[in-house]
């Protein structure tokens, strides 16, 4: 991930990523981007604050580094945060 220009080596497609991060994932890992966009619509919640990934302007976050907060040495199960609201609806 560092060689691709990411500032840390979190999971590819981390839900903690911002607009610049997700636009870089869209280019570097289009299948991961598309799968997360589908998942967002399925659960009705986006990992971004202002928009769903399938509506993300490809220039959003431009000029900003693709930052993601560090998940620690073993990760914290970020997907749990994304799916928490969905599971409460069932």
PDB file of N, CA and C in Angstrom:
ATOM      1  N   UNK A   1       0.832  -1.196   0.000  1.00  0.00           N
ATOM      2  CA  UNK A   1       0.000   0.000   0.000  1.00  0.00           C
ATOM      3  C   UNK A   1       0.877   1.262   0.000  1.00  0.00           C
ATOM      4  N   UNK A   2       1.980   1.212   0.738  1.00  0.00           N
ATOM      5  CA  UNK A   2       2.870   2.373   0.777  1.00  0.00           C
ATOM      6  C   UNK A   2       3.417   2.692  -0.613  1.00  0.00           C
ATOM      7  N   UNK A   3       3.767   1.662  -1.363  1.00  0.00           N
ATOM      8  CA  UNK A   3       4.301   1.870  -2.706  1.00  0.00           C
ATOM      9  C   UNK A   3       3.272   2.470  -3.660  1.00  0.00           C
ATOM     10  N   UNK A   4       1.994   2.300  -3.355  1.00  0.00           N
ATOM     11  CA  UNK A   4       0.932   2.884  -4.177  1.00  0.00           C
ATOM     12  C   UNK A   4       0.580   4.303  -3.755  1.00  0.00           C
ATOM     13  N   UNK A   5       1.227   4.809  -2.679  1.00  0.00           N
ATOM     14  CA  UNK A   5       0.995   6.179  -2.252  1.00  0.00           C
ATOM     15  C   UNK A   5       0.096   6.338  -1.039  1.00  0.00           C
ATOM     16  N   UNK A   6      -0.283   5.235  -0.414  1.00  0.00           N
ATOM     17  CA  UNK A   6      -1.109   5.310   0.796  1.00  0.00           C
ATOM     18  C   UNK A   6      -0.199   5.584   1.990  1.00  0.00           C
ATOM     19  N   UNK A   7      -0.728   6.282   2.986  1.00  0.00           N
ATOM     20  CA  UNK A   7       0.073   6.663   4.149  1.00  0.00           C
ATOM     21  C   UNK A   7       0.151   5.587   5.209  1.00  0.00           C
ATOM     22  N   UNK A   8      -0.652   4.551   5.105  1.00  0.00           N
ATOM     23  CA  UNK A   8      -0.566   3.421   6.022  1.00  0.00           C
ATOM     24  C   UNK A   8      -1.042   2.178   5.290  1.00  0.00           C
ATOM     25  N   UNK A   9      -0.913   1.066   5.934  1.00  0.00           N
ATOM     26  CA  UNK A   9      -1.209  -0.202   5.282  1.00  0.00           C
ATOM     27  C   UNK A   9      -2.435  -0.865   5.897  1.00  0.00           C
ATOM     28  N   UNK A  10      -3.529  -0.107   5.975  1.00  0.00           N
ATOM     29  CA  UNK A  10      -4.783  -0.658   6.489  1.00  0.00           C
ATOM     30  C   UNK A  10      -5.385  -1.605   5.460  1.00  0.00           C
ATOM     31  N   UNK A  11      -6.497  -2.198   5.812  1.00  0.00           N
ATOM     32  CA  UNK A  11      -7.211  -3.060   4.867  1.00  0.00           C
ATOM     33  C   UNK A  11      -7.540  -2.270   3.607  1.00  0.00           C
ATOM     34  N   UNK A  12      -7.505  -2.930   2.475  1.00  0.00           N
ATOM     35  CA  UNK A  12      -7.905  -2.277   1.225  1.00  0.00           C
ATOM     36  C   UNK A  12      -9.414  -2.094   1.284  1.00  0.00           C
ATOM     37  N   UNK A  13      -9.860  -0.858   1.158  1.00  0.00           N
ATOM     38  CA  UNK A  13     -11.287  -0.571   1.249  1.00  0.00           C
ATOM     39  C   UNK A  13     -11.736  -0.322   2.674  1.00  0.00           C
ATOM     40  N   UNK A  14     -10.912   0.331   3.467  1.00  0.00           N
ATOM     41  CA  UNK A  14     -11.224   0.599   4.873  1.00  0.00           C
ATOM     42  C   UNK A  14     -12.377   1.597   4.995  1.00  0.00           C
ATOM     43  N   UNK A  15     -13.363   1.270   5.820  1.00  0.00           N
ATOM     44  CA  UNK A  15     -14.518   2.148   5.985  1.00  0.00           C
ATOM     45  C   UNK A  15     -14.170   3.454   6.685  1.00  0.00           C
ATOM     46  N   UNK A  16     -12.983   3.556   7.247  1.00  0.00           N
ATOM     47  CA  UNK A  16     -12.555   4.797   7.893  1.00  0.00           C
ATOM     48  C   UNK A  16     -11.967   5.795   6.896  1.00  0.00           C
ATOM     49  N   UNK A  17     -11.828   5.400   5.640  1.00  0.00           N
ATOM     50  CA  UNK A  17     -11.236   6.265   4.629  1.00  0.00           C
ATOM     51  C   UNK A  17     -12.139   7.419   4.249  1.00  0.00           C
ATOM     52  N   UNK A  18     -11.523   8.508   3.823  1.00  0.00           N
ATOM     53  CA  UNK A  18     -12.258   9.681   3.369  1.00  0.00           C
ATOM     54  C   UNK A  18     -12.405   9.703   1.852  1.00  0.00           C
ATOM     55  N   UNK A  19     -12.819  10.849   1.324  1.00  0.00           N
ATOM     56  CA  UNK A  19     -13.080  10.959  -0.109  1.00  0.00           C
ATOM     57  C   UNK A  19     -11.832  10.722  -0.954  1.00  0.00           C
ATOM     58  N   UNK A  20     -10.690  11.325  -0.576  1.00  0.00           N
ATOM     59  CA  UNK A  20      -9.459  11.130  -1.354  1.00  0.00           C
ATOM     60  C   UNK A  20      -9.049   9.660  -1.341  1.00  0.00           C
ATOM     61  N   UNK A  21      -9.158   9.023  -0.189  1.00  0.00           N
ATOM     62  CA  UNK A  21      -8.830   7.607  -0.060  1.00  0.00           C
ATOM     63  C   UNK A  21      -9.708   6.760  -0.987  1.00  0.00           C
ATOM     64  N   UNK A  22     -11.019   6.973  -0.928  1.00  0.00           N
ATOM     65  CA  UNK A  22     -11.918   6.157  -1.745  1.00  0.00           C
ATOM     66  C   UNK A  22     -11.752   6.423  -3.231  1.00  0.00           C
ATOM     67  N   UNK A  23     -11.409   7.653  -3.612  1.00  0.00           N
ATOM     68  CA  UNK A  23     -11.153   7.907  -5.029  1.00  0.00           C
ATOM     69  C   UNK A  23      -9.874   7.215  -5.482  1.00  0.00           C
ATOM     70  N   UNK A  24      -8.896   7.093  -4.598  1.00  0.00           N
ATOM     71  CA  UNK A  24      -7.673   6.356  -4.937  1.00  0.00           C
ATOM     72  C   UNK A  24      -7.974   4.853  -5.005  1.00  0.00           C
ATOM     73  N   UNK A  25      -8.794   4.357  -4.082  1.00  0.00           N
ATOM     74  CA  UNK A  25      -9.207   2.946  -4.137  1.00  0.00           C
ATOM     75  C   UNK A  25      -9.955   2.680  -5.443  1.00  0.00           C
ATOM     76  N   UNK A  26     -10.782   3.625  -5.873  1.00  0.00           N
ATOM     77  CA  UNK A  26     -11.536   3.478  -7.137  1.00  0.00           C
ATOM     78  C   UNK A  26     -10.584   3.221  -8.307  1.00  0.00           C
ATOM     79  N   UNK A  27      -9.437   3.884  -8.303  1.00  0.00           N
ATOM     80  CA  UNK A  27      -8.462   3.728  -9.384  1.00  0.00           C
ATOM     81  C   UNK A  27      -7.617   2.466  -9.199  1.00  0.00           C
ATOM     82  N   UNK A  28      -7.107   2.270  -7.975  1.00  0.00           N
ATOM     83  CA  UNK A  28      -6.169   1.170  -7.722  1.00  0.00           C
ATOM     84  C   UNK A  28      -6.852  -0.190  -7.554  1.00  0.00           C
ATOM     85  N   UNK A  29      -8.056  -0.184  -6.999  1.00  0.00           N
ATOM     86  CA  UNK A  29      -8.777  -1.426  -6.700  1.00  0.00           C
ATOM     87  C   UNK A  29     -10.261  -1.262  -7.046  1.00  0.00           C
ATOM     88  N   UNK A  30     -10.597  -1.148  -8.334  1.00  0.00           N
ATOM     89  CA  UNK A  30     -11.983  -0.857  -8.720  1.00  0.00           C
ATOM     90  C   UNK A  30     -12.999  -1.893  -8.222  1.00  0.00           C
ATOM     91  N   UNK A  31     -12.613  -3.157  -8.129  1.00  0.00           N
ATOM     92  CA  UNK A  31     -13.554  -4.172  -7.663  1.00  0.00           C
ATOM     93  C   UNK A  31     -13.902  -3.956  -6.187  1.00  0.00           C
ATOM     94  N   UNK A  32     -12.909  -3.578  -5.392  1.00  0.00           N
ATOM     95  CA  UNK A  32     -13.146  -3.293  -3.968  1.00  0.00           C
ATOM     96  C   UNK A  32     -14.075  -2.091  -3.837  1.00  0.00           C
ATOM     97  N   UNK A  33     -13.814  -1.047  -4.627  1.00  0.00           N
ATOM     98  CA  UNK A  33     -14.662   0.152  -4.616  1.00  0.00           C
ATOM     99  C   UNK A  33     -16.098  -0.211  -4.969  1.00  0.00           C
ATOM    100  N   UNK A  34     -16.281  -0.951  -6.041  1.00  0.00           N
ATOM    101  CA  UNK A  34     -17.631  -1.311  -6.488  1.00  0.00           C
ATOM    102  C   UNK A  34     -18.354  -2.185  -5.461  1.00  0.00           C
ATOM    103  N   UNK A  35     -17.648  -3.131  -4.875  1.00  0.00           N
ATOM    104  CA  UNK A  35     -18.263  -3.996  -3.862  1.00  0.00           C
ATOM    105  C   UNK A  35     -18.711  -3.192  -2.642  1.00  0.00           C
ATOM    106  N   UNK A  36     -17.907  -2.209  -2.223  1.00  0.00           N
ATOM    107  CA  UNK A  36     -18.297  -1.392  -1.079  1.00  0.00           C
ATOM    108  C   UNK A  36     -19.482  -0.493  -1.450  1.00  0.00           C
ATOM    109  N   UNK A  37     -19.502   0.029  -2.674  1.00  0.00           N
ATOM    110  CA  UNK A  37     -20.630   0.865  -3.109  1.00  0.00           C
ATOM    111  C   UNK A  37     -21.931   0.056  -3.085  1.00  0.00           C
ATOM    112  N   UNK A  38     -21.872  -1.179  -3.524  1.00  0.00           N
ATOM    113  CA  UNK A  38     -23.049  -2.056  -3.501  1.00  0.00           C
ATOM    114  C   UNK A  38     -23.462  -2.354  -2.062  1.00  0.00           C
ATOM    115  N   UNK A  39     -22.491  -2.617  -1.208  1.00  0.00           N
ATOM    116  CA  UNK A  39     -22.785  -2.896   0.204  1.00  0.00           C
ATOM    117  C   UNK A  39     -23.429  -1.700   0.877  1.00  0.00           C
ATOM    118  N   UNK A  40     -22.917  -0.505   0.602  1.00  0.00           N
ATOM    119  CA  UNK A  40     -23.518   0.697   1.175  1.00  0.00           C
ATOM    120  C   UNK A  40     -24.993   0.804   0.822  1.00  0.00           C
ATOM    121  N   UNK A  41     -25.316   0.609  -0.438  1.00  0.00           N
ATOM    122  CA  UNK A  41     -26.715   0.725  -0.872  1.00  0.00           C
ATOM    123  C   UNK A  41     -27.574  -0.376  -0.247  1.00  0.00           C
ATOM    124  N   UNK A  42     -27.001  -1.549  -0.124  1.00  0.00           N
ATOM    125  CA  UNK A  42     -27.742  -2.662   0.448  1.00  0.00           C
ATOM    126  C   UNK A  42     -28.127  -2.389   1.899  1.00  0.00           C
ATOM    127  N   UNK A  43     -27.201  -1.809   2.675  1.00  0.00           N
ATOM    128  CA  UNK A  43     -27.496  -1.553   4.085  1.00  0.00           C
ATOM    129  C   UNK A  43     -28.069  -0.157   4.323  1.00  0.00           C
ATOM    130  N   UNK A  44     -28.028   0.706   3.301  1.00  0.00           N
ATOM    131  CA  UNK A  44     -28.599   2.039   3.435  1.00  0.00           C
ATOM    132  C   UNK A  44     -27.761   3.003   4.254  1.00  0.00           C
ATOM    133  N   UNK A  45     -26.462   2.778   4.281  1.00  0.00           N
ATOM    134  CA  UNK A  45     -25.571   3.640   5.059  1.00  0.00           C
ATOM    135  C   UNK A  45     -24.226   3.727   4.350  1.00  0.00           C
ATOM    136  N   UNK A  46     -23.655   4.925   4.314  1.00  0.00           N
ATOM    137  CA  UNK A  46     -22.381   5.130   3.638  1.00  0.00           C
ATOM    138  C   UNK A  46     -21.238   5.230   4.640  1.00  0.00           C
ATOM    139  N   UNK A  47     -20.047   4.850   4.197  1.00  0.00           N
ATOM    140  CA  UNK A  47     -18.871   5.021   5.040  1.00  0.00           C
ATOM    141  C   UNK A  47     -18.365   6.459   4.984  1.00  0.00           C
ATOM    142  N   UNK A  48     -18.853   7.254   4.047  1.00  0.00           N
ATOM    143  CA  UNK A  48     -18.519   8.677   3.974  1.00  0.00           C
ATOM    144  C   UNK A  48     -19.605   9.484   4.677  1.00  0.00           C
ATOM    145  N   UNK A  49     -19.254  10.666   5.109  1.00  0.00           N
ATOM    146  CA  UNK A  49     -20.221  11.478   5.852  1.00  0.00           C
ATOM    147  C   UNK A  49     -21.265  12.141   4.961  1.00  0.00           C
ATOM    148  N   UNK A  50     -20.879  12.515   3.742  1.00  0.00           N
ATOM    149  CA  UNK A  50     -21.769  13.353   2.942  1.00  0.00           C
ATOM    150  C   UNK A  50     -22.390  12.686   1.719  1.00  0.00           C
ATOM    151  N   UNK A  51     -21.887  11.529   1.320  1.00  0.00           N
ATOM    152  CA  UNK A  51     -22.374  10.931   0.079  1.00  0.00           C
ATOM    153  C   UNK A  51     -22.105   9.432   0.047  1.00  0.00           C
ATOM    154  N   UNK A  52     -22.858   8.739  -0.766  1.00  0.00           N
ATOM    155  CA  UNK A  52     -22.588   7.330  -1.020  1.00  0.00           C
ATOM    156  C   UNK A  52     -21.456   7.228  -2.041  1.00  0.00           C
ATOM    157  N   UNK A  53     -20.722   6.136  -2.018  1.00  0.00           N
ATOM    158  CA  UNK A  53     -19.595   5.964  -2.932  1.00  0.00           C
ATOM    159  C   UNK A  53     -20.026   6.030  -4.390  1.00  0.00           C
ATOM    160  N   UNK A  54     -21.205   5.494  -4.719  1.00  0.00           N
ATOM    161  CA  UNK A  54     -21.628   5.525  -6.119  1.00  0.00           C
ATOM    162  C   UNK A  54     -22.030   6.924  -6.585  1.00  0.00           C
ATOM    163  N   UNK A  55     -22.058   7.886  -5.670  1.00  0.00           N
ATOM    164  CA  UNK A  55     -22.321   9.281  -6.018  1.00  0.00           C
ATOM    165  C   UNK A  55     -21.090  10.159  -5.824  1.00  0.00           C
ATOM    166  N   UNK A  56     -19.983   9.579  -5.395  1.00  0.00           N
ATOM    167  CA  UNK A  56     -18.765  10.332  -5.094  1.00  0.00           C
ATOM    168  C   UNK A  56     -18.166  10.914  -6.365  1.00  0.00           C
ATOM    169  N   UNK A  57     -18.003  12.234  -6.384  1.00  0.00           N
ATOM    170  CA  UNK A  57     -17.358  12.913  -7.502  1.00  0.00           C
ATOM    171  C   UNK A  57     -15.909  12.443  -7.568  1.00  0.00           C
ATOM    172  N   UNK A  58     -15.462  12.088  -8.746  1.00  0.00           N
ATOM    173  CA  UNK A  58     -14.107  11.551  -8.900  1.00  0.00           C
ATOM    174  C   UNK A  58     -13.016  12.569  -8.567  1.00  0.00           C
ATOM    175  N   UNK A  59     -13.372  13.846  -8.457  1.00  0.00           N
ATOM    176  CA  UNK A  59     -12.374  14.855  -8.076  1.00  0.00           C
ATOM    177  C   UNK A  59     -12.461  15.224  -6.600  1.00  0.00           C
ATOM    178  N   UNK A  60     -13.391  14.651  -5.869  1.00  0.00           N
ATOM    179  CA  UNK A  60     -13.543  14.969  -4.441  1.00  0.00           C
ATOM    180  C   UNK A  60     -12.306  14.517  -3.676  1.00  0.00           C
ATOM    181  N   UNK A  61     -11.842  15.391  -2.799  1.00  0.00           N
ATOM    182  CA  UNK A  61     -10.668  15.084  -2.000  1.00  0.00           C
ATOM    183  C   UNK A  61      -9.361  15.308  -2.739  1.00  0.00           C
ATOM    184  N   UNK A  62      -9.451  15.755  -3.989  1.00  0.00           N
ATOM    185  CA  UNK A  62      -8.242  15.976  -4.791  1.00  0.00           C
ATOM    186  C   UNK A  62      -7.323  16.971  -4.088  1.00  0.00           C
ATOM    187  N   UNK A  63      -6.050  16.667  -4.086  1.00  0.00           N
ATOM    188  CA  UNK A  63      -5.069  17.523  -3.433  1.00  0.00           C
ATOM    189  C   UNK A  63      -4.848  17.155  -1.979  1.00  0.00           C
ATOM    190  N   UNK A  64      -5.647  16.219  -1.480  1.00  0.00           N
ATOM    191  CA  UNK A  64      -5.477  15.736  -0.118  1.00  0.00           C
ATOM    192  C   UNK A  64      -4.864  14.348  -0.169  1.00  0.00           C
ATOM    193  N   UNK A  65      -4.027  14.002   0.796  1.00  0.00           N
ATOM    194  CA  UNK A  65      -3.479  12.647   0.810  1.00  0.00           C
ATOM    195  C   UNK A  65      -4.577  11.642   1.152  1.00  0.00           C
ATOM    196  N   UNK A  66      -4.467  10.416   0.666  1.00  0.00           N
ATOM    197  CA  UNK A  66      -5.484   9.396   0.962  1.00  0.00           C
ATOM    198  C   UNK A  66      -5.332   8.862   2.380  1.00  0.00           C
ATOM    199  N   UNK A  67      -5.663   9.688   3.356  1.00  0.00           N
ATOM    200  CA  UNK A  67      -5.469   9.345   4.759  1.00  0.00           C
ATOM    201  C   UNK A  67      -6.557   8.424   5.294  1.00  0.00           C
ATOM    202  N   UNK A  68      -6.147   7.542   6.160  1.00  0.00           N
ATOM    203  CA  UNK A  68      -7.043   6.687   6.920  1.00  0.00           C
ATOM    204  C   UNK A  68      -6.427   6.589   8.303  1.00  0.00           C
ATOM    205  N   UNK A  69      -7.251   6.689   9.333  1.00  0.00           N
ATOM    206  CA  UNK A  69      -6.698   6.557  10.677  1.00  0.00           C
ATOM    207  C   UNK A  69      -6.163   5.148  10.871  1.00  0.00           C
ATOM    208  N   UNK A  70      -5.166   5.020  11.710  1.00  0.00           N
ATOM    209  CA  UNK A  70      -4.528   3.729  11.946  1.00  0.00           C
ATOM    210  C   UNK A  70      -5.455   2.807  12.724  1.00  0.00           C
ATOM    211  N   UNK A  71      -5.521   1.556  12.321  1.00  0.00           N
ATOM    212  CA  UNK A  71      -6.379   0.569  12.986  1.00  0.00           C
ATOM    213  C   UNK A  71      -5.647  -0.191  14.078  1.00  0.00           C
ATOM    214  N   UNK A  72      -4.400   0.068  14.282  1.00  0.00           N
ATOM    215  CA  UNK A  72      -3.640  -0.663  15.287  1.00  0.00           C
ATOM    216  C   UNK A  72      -2.988  -1.895  14.685  1.00  0.00           C
ATOM    217  N   UNK A  73      -2.315  -2.642  15.514  1.00  0.00           N
ATOM    218  CA  UNK A  73      -1.529  -3.763  15.013  1.00  0.00           C
ATOM    219  C   UNK A  73      -2.384  -4.951  14.580  1.00  0.00           C
ATOM    220  N   UNK A  74      -3.574  -5.106  15.133  1.00  0.00           N
ATOM    221  CA  UNK A  74      -4.417  -6.244  14.749  1.00  0.00           C
ATOM    222  C   UNK A  74      -5.748  -5.814  14.155  1.00  0.00           C
ATOM    223  N   UNK A  75      -5.989  -4.527  14.006  1.00  0.00           N
ATOM    224  CA  UNK A  75      -7.248  -4.035  13.449  1.00  0.00           C
ATOM    225  C   UNK A  75      -8.357  -4.079  14.482  1.00  0.00           C
ATOM    226  N   UNK A  76      -9.407  -3.356  14.212  1.00  0.00           N
ATOM    227  CA  UNK A  76     -10.528  -3.297  15.145  1.00  0.00           C
ATOM    228  C   UNK A  76     -11.835  -3.779  14.549  1.00  0.00           C
ATOM    229  N   UNK A  77     -11.797  -4.436  13.411  1.00  0.00           N
ATOM    230  CA  UNK A  77     -13.042  -4.923  12.816  1.00  0.00           C
ATOM    231  C   UNK A  77     -13.909  -3.787  12.323  1.00  0.00           C
ATOM    232  N   UNK A  78     -13.365  -2.936  11.482  1.00  0.00           N
ATOM    233  CA  UNK A  78     -14.079  -1.761  10.986  1.00  0.00           C
ATOM    234  C   UNK A  78     -15.414  -2.102  10.359  1.00  0.00           C
ATOM    235  N   UNK A  79     -15.493  -3.262   9.724  1.00  0.00           N
ATOM    236  CA  UNK A  79     -16.754  -3.624   9.075  1.00  0.00           C
ATOM    237  C   UNK A  79     -17.894  -3.726  10.066  1.00  0.00           C
ATOM    238  N   UNK A  80     -17.584  -3.976  11.311  1.00  0.00           N
ATOM    239  CA  UNK A  80     -18.621  -4.042  12.343  1.00  0.00           C
ATOM    240  C   UNK A  80     -19.310  -2.688  12.480  1.00  0.00           C
ATOM    241  N   UNK A  81     -18.543  -1.626  12.423  1.00  0.00           N
ATOM    242  CA  UNK A  81     -19.124  -0.285  12.514  1.00  0.00           C
ATOM    243  C   UNK A  81     -20.080  -0.023  11.357  1.00  0.00           C
ATOM    244  N   UNK A  82     -19.690  -0.407  10.164  1.00  0.00           N
ATOM    245  CA  UNK A  82     -20.527  -0.175   8.992  1.00  0.00           C
ATOM    246  C   UNK A  82     -21.810  -0.985   9.051  1.00  0.00           C
ATOM    247  N   UNK A  83     -21.736  -2.204   9.581  1.00  0.00           N
ATOM    248  CA  UNK A  83     -22.893  -3.087   9.592  1.00  0.00           C
ATOM    249  C   UNK A  83     -23.742  -2.993  10.859  1.00  0.00           C
ATOM    250  N   UNK A  84     -23.268  -2.277  11.866  1.00  0.00           N
ATOM    251  CA  UNK A  84     -23.968  -2.203  13.148  1.00  0.00           C
ATOM    252  C   UNK A  84     -25.414  -1.729  12.989  1.00  0.00           C
ATOM    253  N   UNK A  85     -25.615  -0.620  12.315  1.00  0.00           N
ATOM    254  CA  UNK A  85     -26.961  -0.074  12.134  1.00  0.00           C
ATOM    255  C   UNK A  85     -27.846  -1.029  11.345  1.00  0.00           C
ATOM    256  N   UNK A  86     -27.269  -1.657  10.325  1.00  0.00           N
ATOM    257  CA  UNK A  86     -28.028  -2.606   9.503  1.00  0.00           C
ATOM    258  C   UNK A  86     -28.550  -3.771  10.341  1.00  0.00           C
ATOM    259  N   UNK A  87     -27.692  -4.319  11.186  1.00  0.00           N
ATOM    260  CA  UNK A  87     -28.099  -5.474  11.999  1.00  0.00           C
ATOM    261  C   UNK A  87     -29.146  -5.101  13.027  1.00  0.00           C
ATOM    262  N   UNK A  88     -29.142  -3.863  13.504  1.00  0.00           N
ATOM    263  CA  UNK A  88     -30.136  -3.424  14.476  1.00  0.00           C
ATOM    264  C   UNK A  88     -31.515  -3.296  13.855  1.00  0.00           C
ATOM    265  N   UNK A  89     -31.577  -3.120  12.543  1.00  0.00           N
ATOM    266  CA  UNK A  89     -32.863  -2.986  11.848  1.00  0.00           C
ATOM    267  C   UNK A  89     -33.593  -4.315  11.729  1.00  0.00           C
ATOM    268  N   UNK A  90     -32.876  -5.413  11.738  1.00  0.00           N
ATOM    269  CA  UNK A  90     -33.485  -6.722  11.490  1.00  0.00           C
ATOM    270  C   UNK A  90     -34.289  -7.216  12.655  1.00  0.00           C
TER     271      UNK A  90
END
